[in-house]
Amino acid sequence: MPDEDTDHDRLVRMEGKIDTLIFGRNDHEERIRALEARRTISPAQLWGAACALVGVLVGLSVLSRFVLEVIVR
């Protein structure tokens, strides 16, 4: 038989392509669900942590000056 495709051959190829598309879509949805389920840090949490760090550093600075004044006296 020459290289002519029959209707059955075309249908089999189309079915394979459709299966590939469906599988790829399911995989994509699973990856999106995994990303959405991952815990992330919100910008508000990040700013809160940065402000807390600045507060701790300022507190340590004030405390160290107080301790140095007590020691020097």
PDB file of N, CA and C in Angstrom:
ATOM      1  N   MET A   1       0.821  -1.175   0.000  1.00  0.00           N
ATOM      2  CA  MET A   1       0.000   0.000   0.000  1.00  0.00           C
ATOM      3  C   MET A   1       0.877   1.254   0.000  1.00  0.00           C
ATOM      4  N   PRO A   2       0.566   2.268  -0.807  1.00  0.00           N
ATOM      5  CA  PRO A   2       1.363   3.491  -0.816  1.00  0.00           C
ATOM      6  C   PRO A   2       1.199   4.285   0.477  1.00  0.00           C
ATOM      7  N   ASP A   3       1.817   5.446   0.522  1.00  0.00           N
ATOM      8  CA  ASP A   3       1.816   6.277   1.725  1.00  0.00           C
ATOM      9  C   ASP A   3       0.505   7.042   1.932  1.00  0.00           C
ATOM     10  N   GLU A   4      -0.574   6.530   1.430  1.00  0.00           N
ATOM     11  CA  GLU A   4      -1.849   7.210   1.606  1.00  0.00           C
ATOM     12  C   GLU A   4      -2.422   6.879   2.981  1.00  0.00           C
ATOM     13  N   ASP A   5      -2.936   7.901   3.657  1.00  0.00           N
ATOM     14  CA  ASP A   5      -3.550   7.693   4.962  1.00  0.00           C
ATOM     15  C   ASP A   5      -5.011   7.307   4.796  1.00  0.00           C
ATOM     16  N   THR A   6      -5.417   6.367   5.573  1.00  0.00           N
ATOM     17  CA  THR A   6      -6.832   6.007   5.575  1.00  0.00           C
ATOM     18  C   THR A   6      -7.531   6.849   6.639  1.00  0.00           C
ATOM     19  N   ASP A   7      -8.832   6.835   6.623  1.00  0.00           N
ATOM     20  CA  ASP A   7      -9.586   7.569   7.637  1.00  0.00           C
ATOM     21  C   ASP A   7      -9.264   7.046   9.033  1.00  0.00           C
ATOM     22  N   HIS A   8      -9.072   5.739   9.095  1.00  0.00           N
ATOM     23  CA  HIS A   8      -8.748   5.147  10.396  1.00  0.00           C
ATOM     24  C   HIS A   8      -7.400   5.659  10.907  1.00  0.00           C
ATOM     25  N   ASP A   9      -6.399   5.741  10.041  1.00  0.00           N
ATOM     26  CA  ASP A   9      -5.082   6.249  10.435  1.00  0.00           C
ATOM     27  C   ASP A   9      -5.182   7.690  10.935  1.00  0.00           C
ATOM     28  N   ARG A  10      -5.921   8.509  10.215  1.00  0.00           N
ATOM     29  CA  ARG A  10      -6.093   9.910  10.626  1.00  0.00           C
ATOM     30  C   ARG A  10      -6.790   9.999  11.971  1.00  0.00           C
ATOM     31  N   LEU A  11      -7.818   9.173  12.156  1.00  0.00           N
ATOM     32  CA  LEU A  11      -8.556   9.185  13.413  1.00  0.00           C
ATOM     33  C   LEU A  11      -7.666   8.763  14.587  1.00  0.00           C
ATOM     34  N   VAL A  12      -6.834   7.763  14.371  1.00  0.00           N
ATOM     35  CA  VAL A  12      -5.918   7.305  15.423  1.00  0.00           C
ATOM     36  C   VAL A  12      -4.934   8.416  15.794  1.00  0.00           C
ATOM     37  N   ARG A  13      -4.395   9.114  14.792  1.00  0.00           N
ATOM     38  CA  ARG A  13      -3.469  10.207  15.073  1.00  0.00           C
ATOM     39  C   ARG A  13      -4.160  11.335  15.828  1.00  0.00           C
ATOM     40  N   MET A  14      -5.383  11.685  15.422  1.00  0.00           N
ATOM     41  CA  MET A  14      -6.123  12.755  16.104  1.00  0.00           C
ATOM     42  C   MET A  14      -6.422  12.362  17.549  1.00  0.00           C
ATOM     43  N   GLU A  15      -6.770  11.105  17.760  1.00  0.00           N
ATOM     44  CA  GLU A  15      -7.053  10.649  19.119  1.00  0.00           C
ATOM     45  C   GLU A  15      -5.795  10.737  19.981  1.00  0.00           C
ATOM     46  N   GLY A  16      -4.663  10.373  19.419  1.00  0.00           N
ATOM     47  CA  GLY A  16      -3.400  10.486  20.165  1.00  0.00           C
ATOM     48  C   GLY A  16      -3.078  11.930  20.517  1.00  0.00           C
ATOM     49  N   LYS A  17      -3.316  12.834  19.584  1.00  0.00           N
ATOM     50  CA  LYS A  17      -3.051  14.246  19.851  1.00  0.00           C
ATOM     51  C   LYS A  17      -3.997  14.794  20.911  1.00  0.00           C
ATOM     52  N   ILE A  18      -5.240  14.389  20.863  1.00  0.00           N
ATOM     53  CA  ILE A  18      -6.209  14.845  21.872  1.00  0.00           C
ATOM     54  C   ILE A  18      -5.824  14.316  23.249  1.00  0.00           C
ATOM     55  N   ASP A  19      -5.416  13.051  23.315  1.00  0.00           N
ATOM     56  CA  ASP A  19      -4.972  12.494  24.594  1.00  0.00           C
ATOM     57  C   ASP A  19      -3.775  13.261  25.139  1.00  0.00           C
ATOM     58  N   THR A  20      -2.859  13.626  24.266  1.00  0.00           N
ATOM     59  CA  THR A  20      -1.686  14.404  24.687  1.00  0.00           C
ATOM     60  C   THR A  20      -2.100  15.761  25.233  1.00  0.00           C
ATOM     61  N   LEU A  21      -3.034  16.416  24.571  1.00  0.00           N
ATOM     62  CA  LEU A  21      -3.508  17.720  25.043  1.00  0.00           C
ATOM     63  C   LEU A  21      -4.192  17.609  26.396  1.00  0.00           C
ATOM     64  N   ILE A  22      -5.023  16.586  26.571  1.00  0.00           N
ATOM     65  CA  ILE A  22      -5.736  16.414  27.839  1.00  0.00           C
ATOM     66  C   ILE A  22      -4.740  16.122  28.952  1.00  0.00           C
ATOM     67  N   PHE A  23      -3.774  15.238  28.706  1.00  0.00           N
ATOM     68  CA  PHE A  23      -2.789  14.914  29.733  1.00  0.00           C
ATOM     69  C   PHE A  23      -1.961  16.149  30.095  1.00  0.00           C
ATOM     70  N   GLY A  24      -1.554  16.915  29.107  1.00  0.00           N
ATOM     71  CA  GLY A  24      -0.772  18.121  29.366  1.00  0.00           C
ATOM     72  C   GLY A  24      -1.557  19.124  30.180  1.00  0.00           C
ATOM     73  N   ARG A  25      -2.851  19.237  29.924  1.00  0.00           N
ATOM     74  CA  ARG A  25      -3.698  20.176  30.674  1.00  0.00           C
ATOM     75  C   ARG A  25      -3.820  19.734  32.122  1.00  0.00           C
ATOM     76  N   ASN A  26      -4.017  18.444  32.366  1.00  0.00           N
ATOM     77  CA  ASN A  26      -4.117  17.948  33.740  1.00  0.00           C
ATOM     78  C   ASN A  26      -2.828  18.191  34.500  1.00  0.00           C
ATOM     79  N   ASP A  27      -1.704  17.959  33.849  1.00  0.00           N
ATOM     80  CA  ASP A  27      -0.413  18.195  34.490  1.00  0.00           C
ATOM     81  C   ASP A  27      -0.256  19.669  34.829  1.00  0.00           C
ATOM     82  N   HIS A  28      -0.676  20.530  33.934  1.00  0.00           N
ATOM     83  CA  HIS A  28      -0.583  21.974  34.163  1.00  0.00           C
ATOM     84  C   HIS A  28      -1.441  22.383  35.349  1.00  0.00           C
ATOM     85  N   GLU A  29      -2.651  21.832  35.447  1.00  0.00           N
ATOM     86  CA  GLU A  29      -3.532  22.164  36.568  1.00  0.00           C
ATOM     87  C   GLU A  29      -2.963  21.676  37.888  1.00  0.00           C
ATOM     88  N   GLU A  30      -2.323  20.517  37.895  1.00  0.00           N
ATOM     89  CA  GLU A  30      -1.711  20.001  39.120  1.00  0.00           C
ATOM     90  C   GLU A  30      -0.571  20.914  39.571  1.00  0.00           C
ATOM     91  N   ARG A  31       0.218  21.397  38.627  1.00  0.00           N
ATOM     92  CA  ARG A  31       1.308  22.311  38.994  1.00  0.00           C
ATOM     93  C   ARG A  31       0.766  23.614  39.549  1.00  0.00           C
ATOM     94  N   ILE A  32      -0.318  24.122  38.965  1.00  0.00           N
ATOM     95  CA  ILE A  32      -0.916  25.360  39.473  1.00  0.00           C
ATOM     96  C   ILE A  32      -1.450  25.149  40.878  1.00  0.00           C
ATOM     97  N   ARG A  33      -2.123  24.022  41.109  1.00  0.00           N
ATOM     98  CA  ARG A  33      -2.637  23.732  42.454  1.00  0.00           C
ATOM     99  C   ARG A  33      -1.490  23.641  43.469  1.00  0.00           C
ATOM    100  N   ALA A  34      -0.398  23.036  43.083  1.00  0.00           N
ATOM    101  CA  ALA A  34       0.748  22.919  43.986  1.00  0.00           C
ATOM    102  C   ALA A  34       1.325  24.298  44.303  1.00  0.00           C
ATOM    103  N   LEU A  35       1.407  25.165  43.300  1.00  0.00           N
ATOM    104  CA  LEU A  35       1.917  26.514  43.541  1.00  0.00           C
ATOM    105  C   LEU A  35       0.975  27.315  44.438  1.00  0.00           C
ATOM    106  N   GLU A  36      -0.320  27.163  44.226  1.00  0.00           N
ATOM    107  CA  GLU A  36      -1.280  27.892  45.045  1.00  0.00           C
ATOM    108  C   GLU A  36      -1.287  27.398  46.485  1.00  0.00           C
ATOM    109  N   ALA A  37      -0.980  26.124  46.702  1.00  0.00           N
ATOM    110  CA  ALA A  37      -0.979  25.555  48.047  1.00  0.00           C
ATOM    111  C   ALA A  37       0.301  25.903  48.814  1.00  0.00           C
ATOM    112  N   ARG A  38       1.335  26.315  48.110  1.00  0.00           N
ATOM    113  CA  ARG A  38       2.614  26.621  48.749  1.00  0.00           C
ATOM    114  C   ARG A  38       2.478  27.869  49.609  1.00  0.00           C
ATOM    115  N   ARG A  39       3.026  27.796  50.804  1.00  0.00           N
ATOM    116  CA  ARG A  39       2.986  28.956  51.685  1.00  0.00           C
ATOM    117  C   ARG A  39       3.986  29.991  51.193  1.00  0.00           C
ATOM    118  N   THR A  40       3.535  31.217  51.155  1.00  0.00           N
ATOM    119  CA  THR A  40       4.403  32.305  50.738  1.00  0.00           C
ATOM    120  C   THR A  40       4.328  33.423  51.766  1.00  0.00           C
ATOM    121  N   ILE A  41       5.265  34.339  51.699  1.00  0.00           N
ATOM    122  CA  ILE A  41       5.288  35.487  52.594  1.00  0.00           C
ATOM    123  C   ILE A  41       4.631  36.653  51.867  1.00  0.00           C
ATOM    124  N   SER A  42       3.627  37.218  52.509  1.00  0.00           N
ATOM    125  CA  SER A  42       2.941  38.351  51.889  1.00  0.00           C
ATOM    126  C   SER A  42       3.788  39.612  52.075  1.00  0.00           C
ATOM    127  N   PRO A  43       3.561  40.638  51.266  1.00  0.00           N
ATOM    128  CA  PRO A  43       4.300  41.890  51.449  1.00  0.00           C
ATOM    129  C   PRO A  43       4.097  42.496  52.845  1.00  0.00           C
ATOM    130  N   ALA A  44       2.889  42.359  53.398  1.00  0.00           N
ATOM    131  CA  ALA A  44       2.634  42.885  54.743  1.00  0.00           C
ATOM    132  C   ALA A  44       3.500  42.161  55.784  1.00  0.00           C
ATOM    133  N   GLN A  45       3.632  40.843  55.644  1.00  0.00           N
ATOM    134  CA  GLN A  45       4.482  40.087  56.562  1.00  0.00           C
ATOM    135  C   GLN A  45       5.942  40.484  56.416  1.00  0.00           C
ATOM    136  N   LEU A  46       6.369  40.715  55.187  1.00  0.00           N
ATOM    137  CA  LEU A  46       7.751  41.113  54.944  1.00  0.00           C
ATOM    138  C   LEU A  46       8.042  42.469  55.571  1.00  0.00           C
ATOM    139  N   TRP A  47       7.118  43.438  55.360  1.00  0.00           N
ATOM    140  CA  TRP A  47       7.305  44.756  55.972  1.00  0.00           C
ATOM    141  C   TRP A  47       7.259  44.656  57.504  1.00  0.00           C
ATOM    142  N   GLY A  48       6.390  43.827  58.037  1.00  0.00           N
ATOM    143  CA  GLY A  48       6.326  43.642  59.490  1.00  0.00           C
ATOM    144  C   GLY A  48       7.631  43.099  60.052  1.00  0.00           C
ATOM    145  N   ALA A  49       8.201  42.126  59.366  1.00  0.00           N
ATOM    146  CA  ALA A  49       9.475  41.561  59.816  1.00  0.00           C
ATOM    147  C   ALA A  49      10.596  42.594  59.725  1.00  0.00           C
ATOM    148  N   ALA A  50      10.594  43.392  58.650  1.00  0.00           N
ATOM    149  CA  ALA A  50      11.625  44.419  58.498  1.00  0.00           C
ATOM    150  C   ALA A  50      11.501  45.470  59.607  1.00  0.00           C
ATOM    151  N   CYS A  51      10.268  45.887  59.914  1.00  0.00           N
ATOM    152  CA  CYS A  51      10.068  46.874  60.990  1.00  0.00           C
ATOM    153  C   CYS A  51      10.460  46.300  62.346  1.00  0.00           C
ATOM    154  N   ALA A  52      10.136  45.032  62.569  1.00  0.00           N
ATOM    155  CA  ALA A  52      10.525  44.394  63.826  1.00  0.00           C
ATOM    156  C   ALA A  52      12.044  44.327  63.950  1.00  0.00           C
ATOM    157  N   LEU A  53      12.727  44.025  62.864  1.00  0.00           N
ATOM    158  CA  LEU A  53      14.184  43.969  62.886  1.00  0.00           C
ATOM    159  C   LEU A  53      14.774  45.342  63.190  1.00  0.00           C
ATOM    160  N   VAL A  54      14.235  46.380  62.575  1.00  0.00           N
ATOM    161  CA  VAL A  54      14.710  47.741  62.854  1.00  0.00           C
ATOM    162  C   VAL A  54      14.465  48.086  64.318  1.00  0.00           C
ATOM    163  N   GLY A  55      13.296  47.711  64.836  1.00  0.00           N
ATOM    164  CA  GLY A  55      12.998  47.973  66.246  1.00  0.00           C
ATOM    165  C   GLY A  55      13.967  47.275  67.179  1.00  0.00           C
ATOM    166  N   VAL A  56      14.284  46.031  66.885  1.00  0.00           N
ATOM    167  CA  VAL A  56      15.240  45.287  67.714  1.00  0.00           C
ATOM    168  C   VAL A  56      16.623  45.926  67.634  1.00  0.00           C
ATOM    169  N   LEU A  57      17.043  46.327  66.455  1.00  0.00           N
ATOM    170  CA  LEU A  57      18.364  46.951  66.313  1.00  0.00           C
ATOM    171  C   LEU A  57      18.432  48.282  67.045  1.00  0.00           C
ATOM    172  N   VAL A  58      17.369  49.081  66.968  1.00  0.00           N
ATOM    173  CA  VAL A  58      17.346  50.354  67.707  1.00  0.00           C
ATOM    174  C   VAL A  58      17.375  50.082  69.206  1.00  0.00           C
ATOM    175  N   GLY A  59      16.606  49.098  69.640  1.00  0.00           N
ATOM    176  CA  GLY A  59      16.607  48.736  71.067  1.00  0.00           C
ATOM    177  C   GLY A  59      17.977  48.284  71.543  1.00  0.00           C
ATOM    178  N   LEU A  60      18.653  47.484  70.749  1.00  0.00           N
ATOM    179  CA  LEU A  60      20.002  47.039  71.116  1.00  0.00           C
ATOM    180  C   LEU A  60      20.984  48.204  71.147  1.00  0.00           C
ATOM    181  N   SER A  61      20.816  49.138  70.248  1.00  0.00           N
ATOM    182  CA  SER A  61      21.684  50.308  70.212  1.00  0.00           C
ATOM    183  C   SER A  61      21.512  51.147  71.478  1.00  0.00           C
ATOM    184  N   VAL A  62      20.253  51.384  71.855  1.00  0.00           N
ATOM    185  CA  VAL A  62      19.981  52.166  73.070  1.00  0.00           C
ATOM    186  C   VAL A  62      20.494  51.424  74.293  1.00  0.00           C
ATOM    187  N   LEU A  63      20.270  50.135  74.347  1.00  0.00           N
ATOM    188  CA  LEU A  63      20.730  49.339  75.487  1.00  0.00           C
ATOM    189  C   LEU A  63      22.249  49.334  75.580  1.00  0.00           C
ATOM    190  N   SER A  64      22.925  49.215  74.448  1.00  0.00           N
ATOM    191  CA  SER A  64      24.384  49.190  74.480  1.00  0.00           C
ATOM    192  C   SER A  64      24.943  50.542  74.922  1.00  0.00           C
ATOM    193  N   ARG A  65      24.318  51.649  74.523  1.00  0.00           N
ATOM    194  CA  ARG A  65      24.773  52.967  74.999  1.00  0.00           C
ATOM    195  C   ARG A  65      24.586  53.083  76.502  1.00  0.00           C
ATOM    196  N   PHE A  66      23.438  52.596  76.996  1.00  0.00           N
ATOM    197  CA  PHE A  66      23.180  52.652  78.436  1.00  0.00           C
ATOM    198  C   PHE A  66      24.212  51.826  79.195  1.00  0.00           C
ATOM    199  N   VAL A  67      24.499  50.636  78.719  1.00  0.00           N
ATOM    200  CA  VAL A  67      25.471  49.764  79.380  1.00  0.00           C
ATOM    201  C   VAL A  67      26.855  50.403  79.344  1.00  0.00           C
ATOM    202  N   LEU A  68      27.231  51.010  78.228  1.00  0.00           N
ATOM    203  CA  LEU A  68      28.542  51.658  78.140  1.00  0.00           C
ATOM    204  C   LEU A  68      28.644  52.842  79.092  1.00  0.00           C
ATOM    205  N   GLU A  69      27.576  53.616  79.255  1.00  0.00           N
ATOM    206  CA  GLU A  69      27.597  54.731  80.207  1.00  0.00           C
ATOM    207  C   GLU A  69      27.761  54.231  81.631  1.00  0.00           C
ATOM    208  N   VAL A  70      27.108  53.132  81.968  1.00  0.00           N
ATOM    209  CA  VAL A  70      27.224  52.563  83.316  1.00  0.00           C
ATOM    210  C   VAL A  70      28.626  52.044  83.551  1.00  0.00           C
ATOM    211  N   ILE A  71      29.233  51.430  82.582  1.00  0.00           N
ATOM    212  CA  ILE A  71      30.576  50.867  82.723  1.00  0.00           C
ATOM    213  C   ILE A  71      31.610  51.978  82.812  1.00  0.00           C
ATOM    214  N   VAL A  72      31.463  53.041  82.022  1.00  0.00           N
ATOM    215  CA  VAL A  72      32.459  54.115  81.982  1.00  0.00           C
ATOM    216  C   VAL A  72      32.438  54.894  83.283  1.00  0.00           C
ATOM    217  N   ARG A  73      31.296  55.045  83.921  1.00  0.00           N
ATOM    218  CA  ARG A  73      31.220  55.805  85.195  1.00  0.00           C
ATOM    219  C   ARG A  73      31.985  55.172  86.254  1.00  0.00           C
TER     220      ARG A  73
END
